[in-house]
Amino acid sequence: MCETNAYIEVDGKEELYLENVDILKPEMGKIHMRNLFGEQKIFEGSIKEISLNKHRIILTK
């Protein structure tokens, strides 16, 4: 199984926000995410980059 993790970019550094992201829905300036274990988070900001090869989602405010 390929796990994708979401990171927040803060001051040029990446901080882990949510591991094993399964669902990601951008909606009106917010990003709704749920992981494989049912944990849900809502991030206010935008998607900077998604790397499918590296299994990474970079979010920014």
N, C-alpha and C. Protein backbone atom coordinates (compact mmCIF):
# COMPACT_ATOMS: atom_id res chain seq x y z
N MET A 1 0.85 -1.17 0.00
CA MET A 1 0.00 0.00 0.00
C MET A 1 0.90 1.24 0.00
N CYS A 2 0.53 2.24 -0.77
CA CYS A 2 1.29 3.48 -0.86
C CYS A 2 0.63 4.55 0.01
N GLU A 3 1.32 4.96 1.05
CA GLU A 3 0.78 5.98 1.93
C GLU A 3 1.26 7.35 1.48
N THR A 4 0.36 8.31 1.48
CA THR A 4 0.70 9.68 1.15
C THR A 4 0.53 10.52 2.40
N ASN A 5 1.53 11.32 2.72
CA ASN A 5 1.48 12.18 3.88
C ASN A 5 1.31 13.64 3.46
N ALA A 6 0.60 14.41 4.28
CA ALA A 6 0.40 15.83 4.02
C ALA A 6 1.30 16.63 4.95
N TYR A 7 1.96 17.63 4.38
CA TYR A 7 2.87 18.49 5.13
C TYR A 7 2.45 19.94 4.95
N ILE A 8 2.70 20.75 5.98
CA ILE A 8 2.46 22.19 5.90
C ILE A 8 3.82 22.86 5.75
N GLU A 9 3.92 23.76 4.79
CA GLU A 9 5.15 24.52 4.63
C GLU A 9 5.10 25.75 5.54
N VAL A 10 6.05 25.82 6.47
CA VAL A 10 6.13 26.94 7.43
C VAL A 10 7.57 27.45 7.42
N ASP A 11 7.74 28.71 7.06
CA ASP A 11 9.07 29.33 7.03
C ASP A 11 10.09 28.50 6.26
N GLY A 12 9.67 27.97 5.12
CA GLY A 12 10.56 27.20 4.26
C GLY A 12 10.81 25.77 4.70
N LYS A 13 10.19 25.37 5.80
CA LYS A 13 10.33 24.00 6.30
C LYS A 13 8.99 23.28 6.20
N GLU A 14 9.04 21.97 6.13
CA GLU A 14 7.82 21.17 6.03
C GLU A 14 7.54 20.47 7.36
N GLU A 15 6.32 20.64 7.86
CA GLU A 15 5.90 19.99 9.10
C GLU A 15 4.79 18.99 8.77
N LEU A 16 4.91 17.78 9.30
CA LEU A 16 3.90 16.75 9.06
C LEU A 16 2.55 17.20 9.60
N TYR A 17 1.51 17.10 8.77
CA TYR A 17 0.16 17.52 9.17
C TYR A 17 -0.75 16.31 9.35
N LEU A 18 -0.73 15.37 8.39
CA LEU A 18 -1.58 14.18 8.47
C LEU A 18 -0.92 13.04 7.70
N GLU A 19 -0.82 11.90 8.35
CA GLU A 19 -0.23 10.73 7.72
C GLU A 19 -1.31 9.89 7.03
N ASN A 20 -0.89 9.11 6.05
CA ASN A 20 -1.75 8.13 5.37
C ASN A 20 -3.03 8.74 4.82
N VAL A 21 -2.90 9.88 4.12
CA VAL A 21 -4.07 10.57 3.56
C VAL A 21 -4.71 9.67 2.50
N ASP A 22 -6.02 9.51 2.64
CA ASP A 22 -6.80 8.70 1.71
C ASP A 22 -7.67 9.58 0.82
N ILE A 23 -8.29 10.59 1.41
CA ILE A 23 -9.19 11.48 0.67
C ILE A 23 -8.78 12.92 0.92
N LEU A 24 -8.73 13.71 -0.15
CA LEU A 24 -8.39 15.12 -0.06
C LEU A 24 -9.37 15.89 -0.95
N LYS A 25 -10.10 16.85 -0.36
CA LYS A 25 -11.10 17.61 -1.11
C LYS A 25 -10.88 19.11 -0.88
N PRO A 26 -10.41 19.85 -1.90
CA PRO A 26 -10.34 21.30 -1.78
C PRO A 26 -11.75 21.88 -1.90
N GLU A 27 -12.10 22.79 -1.00
CA GLU A 27 -13.45 23.34 -1.00
C GLU A 27 -13.46 24.73 -0.36
N MET A 28 -13.65 25.77 -1.17
CA MET A 28 -13.81 27.15 -0.70
C MET A 28 -12.68 27.59 0.24
N GLY A 29 -11.43 27.44 -0.18
CA GLY A 29 -10.29 27.90 0.60
C GLY A 29 -9.87 26.96 1.73
N LYS A 30 -10.51 25.81 1.81
CA LYS A 30 -10.17 24.83 2.84
C LYS A 30 -9.88 23.49 2.17
N ILE A 31 -9.04 22.71 2.81
CA ILE A 31 -8.72 21.38 2.32
C ILE A 31 -9.22 20.37 3.35
N HIS A 32 -10.19 19.56 2.97
CA HIS A 32 -10.74 18.53 3.84
C HIS A 32 -9.98 17.24 3.56
N MET A 33 -9.45 16.63 4.63
CA MET A 33 -8.67 15.40 4.48
C MET A 33 -9.13 14.33 5.45
N ARG A 34 -9.03 13.10 5.00
CA ARG A 34 -9.29 11.95 5.87
C ARG A 34 -8.21 10.92 5.58
N ASN A 35 -7.73 10.27 6.64
CA ASN A 35 -6.70 9.25 6.42
C ASN A 35 -7.30 7.85 6.47
N LEU A 36 -6.46 6.87 6.30
CA LEU A 36 -6.90 5.47 6.24
C LEU A 36 -7.55 5.00 7.54
N PHE A 37 -7.28 5.69 8.65
CA PHE A 37 -7.80 5.29 9.95
C PHE A 37 -9.04 6.09 10.36
N GLY A 38 -9.55 6.93 9.45
CA GLY A 38 -10.76 7.70 9.73
C GLY A 38 -10.52 9.05 10.38
N GLU A 39 -9.26 9.38 10.70
CA GLU A 39 -8.96 10.70 11.27
C GLU A 39 -9.19 11.77 10.21
N GLN A 40 -9.87 12.85 10.61
CA GLN A 40 -10.19 13.92 9.67
C GLN A 40 -9.59 15.24 10.14
N LYS A 41 -9.13 16.03 9.18
CA LYS A 41 -8.60 17.36 9.46
C LYS A 41 -9.05 18.31 8.36
N ILE A 42 -9.19 19.57 8.73
CA ILE A 42 -9.51 20.61 7.76
C ILE A 42 -8.42 21.66 7.85
N PHE A 43 -7.79 21.95 6.73
CA PHE A 43 -6.70 22.91 6.66
C PHE A 43 -7.17 24.13 5.88
N GLU A 44 -6.95 25.33 6.44
CA GLU A 44 -7.30 26.56 5.74
C GLU A 44 -6.07 27.02 4.97
N GLY A 45 -6.12 26.90 3.67
CA GLY A 45 -5.01 27.29 2.82
C GLY A 45 -5.16 26.65 1.46
N SER A 46 -4.04 26.37 0.83
CA SER A 46 -4.09 25.82 -0.52
C SER A 46 -3.04 24.72 -0.69
N ILE A 47 -3.18 24.00 -1.77
CA ILE A 47 -2.22 22.95 -2.12
C ILE A 47 -1.10 23.60 -2.92
N LYS A 48 0.12 23.45 -2.44
CA LYS A 48 1.27 23.98 -3.15
C LYS A 48 1.78 22.98 -4.17
N GLU A 49 1.82 21.71 -3.75
CA GLU A 49 2.39 20.68 -4.61
C GLU A 49 1.89 19.31 -4.19
N ILE A 50 1.68 18.45 -5.17
CA ILE A 50 1.38 17.04 -4.91
C ILE A 50 2.39 16.23 -5.71
N SER A 51 3.13 15.37 -5.02
CA SER A 51 4.07 14.49 -5.70
C SER A 51 3.57 13.06 -5.51
N LEU A 52 3.02 12.49 -6.55
CA LEU A 52 2.52 11.12 -6.48
C LEU A 52 3.67 10.13 -6.36
N ASN A 53 4.77 10.45 -6.98
CA ASN A 53 5.94 9.56 -6.94
C ASN A 53 6.55 9.51 -5.55
N LYS A 54 6.58 10.67 -4.86
CA LYS A 54 7.17 10.73 -3.52
C LYS A 54 6.13 10.56 -2.41
N HIS A 55 4.85 10.44 -2.78
CA HIS A 55 3.76 10.24 -1.83
C HIS A 55 3.67 11.40 -0.83
N ARG A 56 3.73 12.65 -1.36
CA ARG A 56 3.73 13.84 -0.52
C ARG A 56 2.74 14.87 -1.03
N ILE A 57 2.06 15.51 -0.11
CA ILE A 57 1.19 16.64 -0.40
C ILE A 57 1.74 17.81 0.41
N ILE A 58 2.05 18.92 -0.26
CA ILE A 58 2.56 20.10 0.43
C ILE A 58 1.46 21.16 0.44
N LEU A 59 1.11 21.61 1.64
CA LEU A 59 0.06 22.62 1.84
C LEU A 59 0.70 23.92 2.27
N THR A 60 0.07 25.03 1.93
CA THR A 60 0.56 26.34 2.32
C THR A 60 -0.60 27.25 2.70
N LYS A 61 -0.33 28.18 3.62
CA LYS A 61 -1.37 29.12 4.04
C LYS A 61 -1.38 30.33 3.14
